[in-house]
Amino acid sequence: MALQPKLLRVLQEQEFERLGSGRTHQVDVRLVAATHRNLTEMVKRSDSRRSLLSPECISSLAAAPARAREDIRRLSNILLRFMPAA
């Protein structure tokens, strides 16, 4: 919770200040994150800030878990063939 206001400032204002520095740095960043948690419920329990879930800050994409996706299984089998033996 303590870092969420700072993260929100970087995302909305596109600026931050390094620890111990008085200089403001301009940035152009996008944050990509994934979770299995229900973010709406986290806001209700005050585990997350509502402002981080605002439409201009977040896009939601529902996807099947990796264990249920056949393409992930095939890809991992291909990659395992190229891994050196330990």
C-alpha atoms as a PDB file:
ATOM      1  CA  MET A   1       0.000   0.000   0.000  1.00  0.00           C
ATOM      2  CA  ALA A   2       2.796   2.434   0.785  1.00  0.00           C
ATOM      3  CA  LEU A   3       4.176   2.397  -2.769  1.00  0.00           C
ATOM      4  CA  GLN A   4       0.852   2.666  -4.583  1.00  0.00           C
ATOM      5  CA  PRO A   5       0.614   6.490  -4.433  1.00  0.00           C
ATOM      6  CA  LYS A   6       4.138   6.740  -5.872  1.00  0.00           C
ATOM      7  CA  LEU A   7       3.336   4.263  -8.622  1.00  0.00           C
ATOM      8  CA  LEU A   8       0.152   6.158  -9.430  1.00  0.00           C
ATOM      9  CA  ARG A   9       2.095   9.412  -9.744  1.00  0.00           C
ATOM     10  CA  VAL A  10       4.532   7.842 -12.214  1.00  0.00           C
ATOM     11  CA  LEU A  11       1.679   6.419 -14.287  1.00  0.00           C
ATOM     12  CA  GLN A  12      -0.489   9.548 -14.302  1.00  0.00           C
ATOM     13  CA  GLU A  13       1.972  12.423 -14.117  1.00  0.00           C
ATOM     14  CA  GLN A  14       4.794  10.617 -15.953  1.00  0.00           C
ATOM     15  CA  GLU A  15       7.399  11.863 -13.527  1.00  0.00           C
ATOM     16  CA  PHE A  16       9.294  10.769 -10.429  1.00  0.00           C
ATOM     17  CA  GLU A  17      12.106  11.859  -8.138  1.00  0.00           C
ATOM     18  CA  ARG A  18      14.943   9.556  -7.141  1.00  0.00           C
ATOM     19  CA  LEU A  19      15.527   8.984  -3.463  1.00  0.00           C
ATOM     20  CA  GLY A  20      17.731  11.769  -2.112  1.00  0.00           C
ATOM     21  CA  SER A  21      17.426  13.844  -5.266  1.00  0.00           C
ATOM     22  CA  GLY A  22      15.468  17.013  -5.754  1.00  0.00           C
ATOM     23  CA  ARG A  23      15.427  16.613  -9.530  1.00  0.00           C
ATOM     24  CA  THR A  24      12.202  15.476 -11.208  1.00  0.00           C
ATOM     25  CA  HIS A  25      12.666  12.933 -14.019  1.00  0.00           C
ATOM     26  CA  GLN A  26      10.208  12.749 -16.894  1.00  0.00           C
ATOM     27  CA  VAL A  27       9.308   9.255 -18.086  1.00  0.00           C
ATOM     28  CA  ASP A  28       7.044   7.630 -20.638  1.00  0.00           C
ATOM     29  CA  VAL A  29       6.285   4.173 -19.274  1.00  0.00           C
ATOM     30  CA  ARG A  30       3.581   1.557 -19.433  1.00  0.00           C
ATOM     31  CA  LEU A  31       3.174  -1.048 -16.742  1.00  0.00           C
ATOM     32  CA  VAL A  32       2.156  -4.595 -17.547  1.00  0.00           C
ATOM     33  CA  ALA A  33       1.248  -6.794 -14.610  1.00  0.00           C
ATOM     34  CA  ALA A  34      -0.646 -10.008 -14.076  1.00  0.00           C
ATOM     35  CA  THR A  35      -2.464 -11.418 -11.097  1.00  0.00           C
ATOM     36  CA  HIS A  36      -4.850 -14.204 -10.239  1.00  0.00           C
ATOM     37  CA  ARG A  37      -6.477 -12.063  -7.566  1.00  0.00           C
ATOM     38  CA  ASN A  38      -9.794 -10.253  -7.881  1.00  0.00           C
ATOM     39  CA  LEU A  39      -8.713  -6.600  -7.957  1.00  0.00           C
ATOM     40  CA  THR A  40     -12.234  -5.293  -7.328  1.00  0.00           C
ATOM     41  CA  GLU A  41     -12.403  -7.308  -4.105  1.00  0.00           C
ATOM     42  CA  MET A  42      -8.969  -6.027  -3.069  1.00  0.00           C
ATOM     43  CA  VAL A  43     -10.199  -2.442  -3.409  1.00  0.00           C
ATOM     44  CA  LYS A  44     -13.274  -3.244  -1.312  1.00  0.00           C
ATOM     45  CA  ARG A  45     -11.013  -4.668   1.417  1.00  0.00           C
ATOM     46  CA  SER A  46      -8.701  -1.617   1.105  1.00  0.00           C
ATOM     47  CA  ASP A  47      -5.776  -3.804   0.006  1.00  0.00           C
ATOM     48  CA  SER A  48      -5.413  -1.739  -3.158  1.00  0.00           C
ATOM     49  CA  ARG A  49      -6.139   1.845  -4.197  1.00  0.00           C
ATOM     50  CA  ARG A  50      -9.235   2.456  -6.290  1.00  0.00           C
ATOM     51  CA  SER A  51      -7.335   5.096  -8.313  1.00  0.00           C
ATOM     52  CA  LEU A  52      -4.988   2.406  -9.663  1.00  0.00           C
ATOM     53  CA  LEU A  53      -8.017   0.678 -11.189  1.00  0.00           C
ATOM     54  CA  SER A  54      -9.302   3.728 -13.025  1.00  0.00           C
ATOM     55  CA  PRO A  55     -10.043   3.214 -16.732  1.00  0.00           C
ATOM     56  CA  GLU A  56      -7.101   5.315 -17.889  1.00  0.00           C
ATOM     57  CA  CYS A  57      -4.720   3.205 -15.784  1.00  0.00           C
ATOM     58  CA  ILE A  58      -5.848  -0.360 -16.359  1.00  0.00           C
ATOM     59  CA  SER A  59      -7.074  -2.739 -19.002  1.00  0.00           C
ATOM     60  CA  SER A  60      -8.327  -6.133 -18.020  1.00  0.00           C
ATOM     61  CA  LEU A  61      -7.771  -9.321 -19.938  1.00  0.00           C
ATOM     62  CA  ALA A  62      -9.085 -12.672 -18.762  1.00  0.00           C
ATOM     63  CA  ALA A  63      -7.039 -15.685 -19.822  1.00  0.00           C
ATOM     64  CA  ALA A  64      -7.071 -19.353 -19.002  1.00  0.00           C
ATOM     65  CA  PRO A  65      -4.430 -20.517 -16.533  1.00  0.00           C
ATOM     66  CA  ALA A  66      -1.222 -21.707 -18.215  1.00  0.00           C
ATOM     67  CA  ARG A  67      -1.768 -25.274 -16.972  1.00  0.00           C
ATOM     68  CA  ALA A  68      -5.011 -25.415 -18.974  1.00  0.00           C
ATOM     69  CA  ARG A  69      -3.576 -24.075 -22.231  1.00  0.00           C
ATOM     70  CA  GLU A  70      -2.446 -26.659 -24.778  1.00  0.00           C
ATOM     71  CA  ASP A  71      -0.218 -24.169 -26.643  1.00  0.00           C
ATOM     72  CA  ILE A  72       1.843 -23.575 -23.483  1.00  0.00           C
ATOM     73  CA  ARG A  73       2.278 -27.323 -23.001  1.00  0.00           C
ATOM     74  CA  ARG A  74       3.447 -27.774 -26.609  1.00  0.00           C
ATOM     75  CA  LEU A  75       5.820 -24.814 -26.407  1.00  0.00           C
ATOM     76  CA  SER A  76       7.363 -26.033 -23.142  1.00  0.00           C
ATOM     77  CA  ASN A  77       7.918 -29.516 -24.645  1.00  0.00           C
ATOM     78  CA  ILE A  78       9.710 -27.967 -27.620  1.00  0.00           C
ATOM     79  CA  LEU A  79      11.893 -25.787 -25.400  1.00  0.00           C
ATOM     80  CA  LEU A  80      12.771 -28.702 -23.100  1.00  0.00           C
ATOM     81  CA  ARG A  81      14.231 -30.594 -26.079  1.00  0.00           C
ATOM     82  CA  PHE A  82      16.805 -27.827 -26.561  1.00  0.00           C
ATOM     83  CA  MET A  83      17.828 -27.507 -22.919  1.00  0.00           C
ATOM     84  CA  PRO A  84      21.209 -28.996 -22.026  1.00  0.00           C
ATOM     85  CA  ALA A  85      21.199 -31.915 -19.603  1.00  0.00           C
ATOM     86  CA  ALA A  86      22.077 -30.895 -16.061  1.00  0.00           C
END
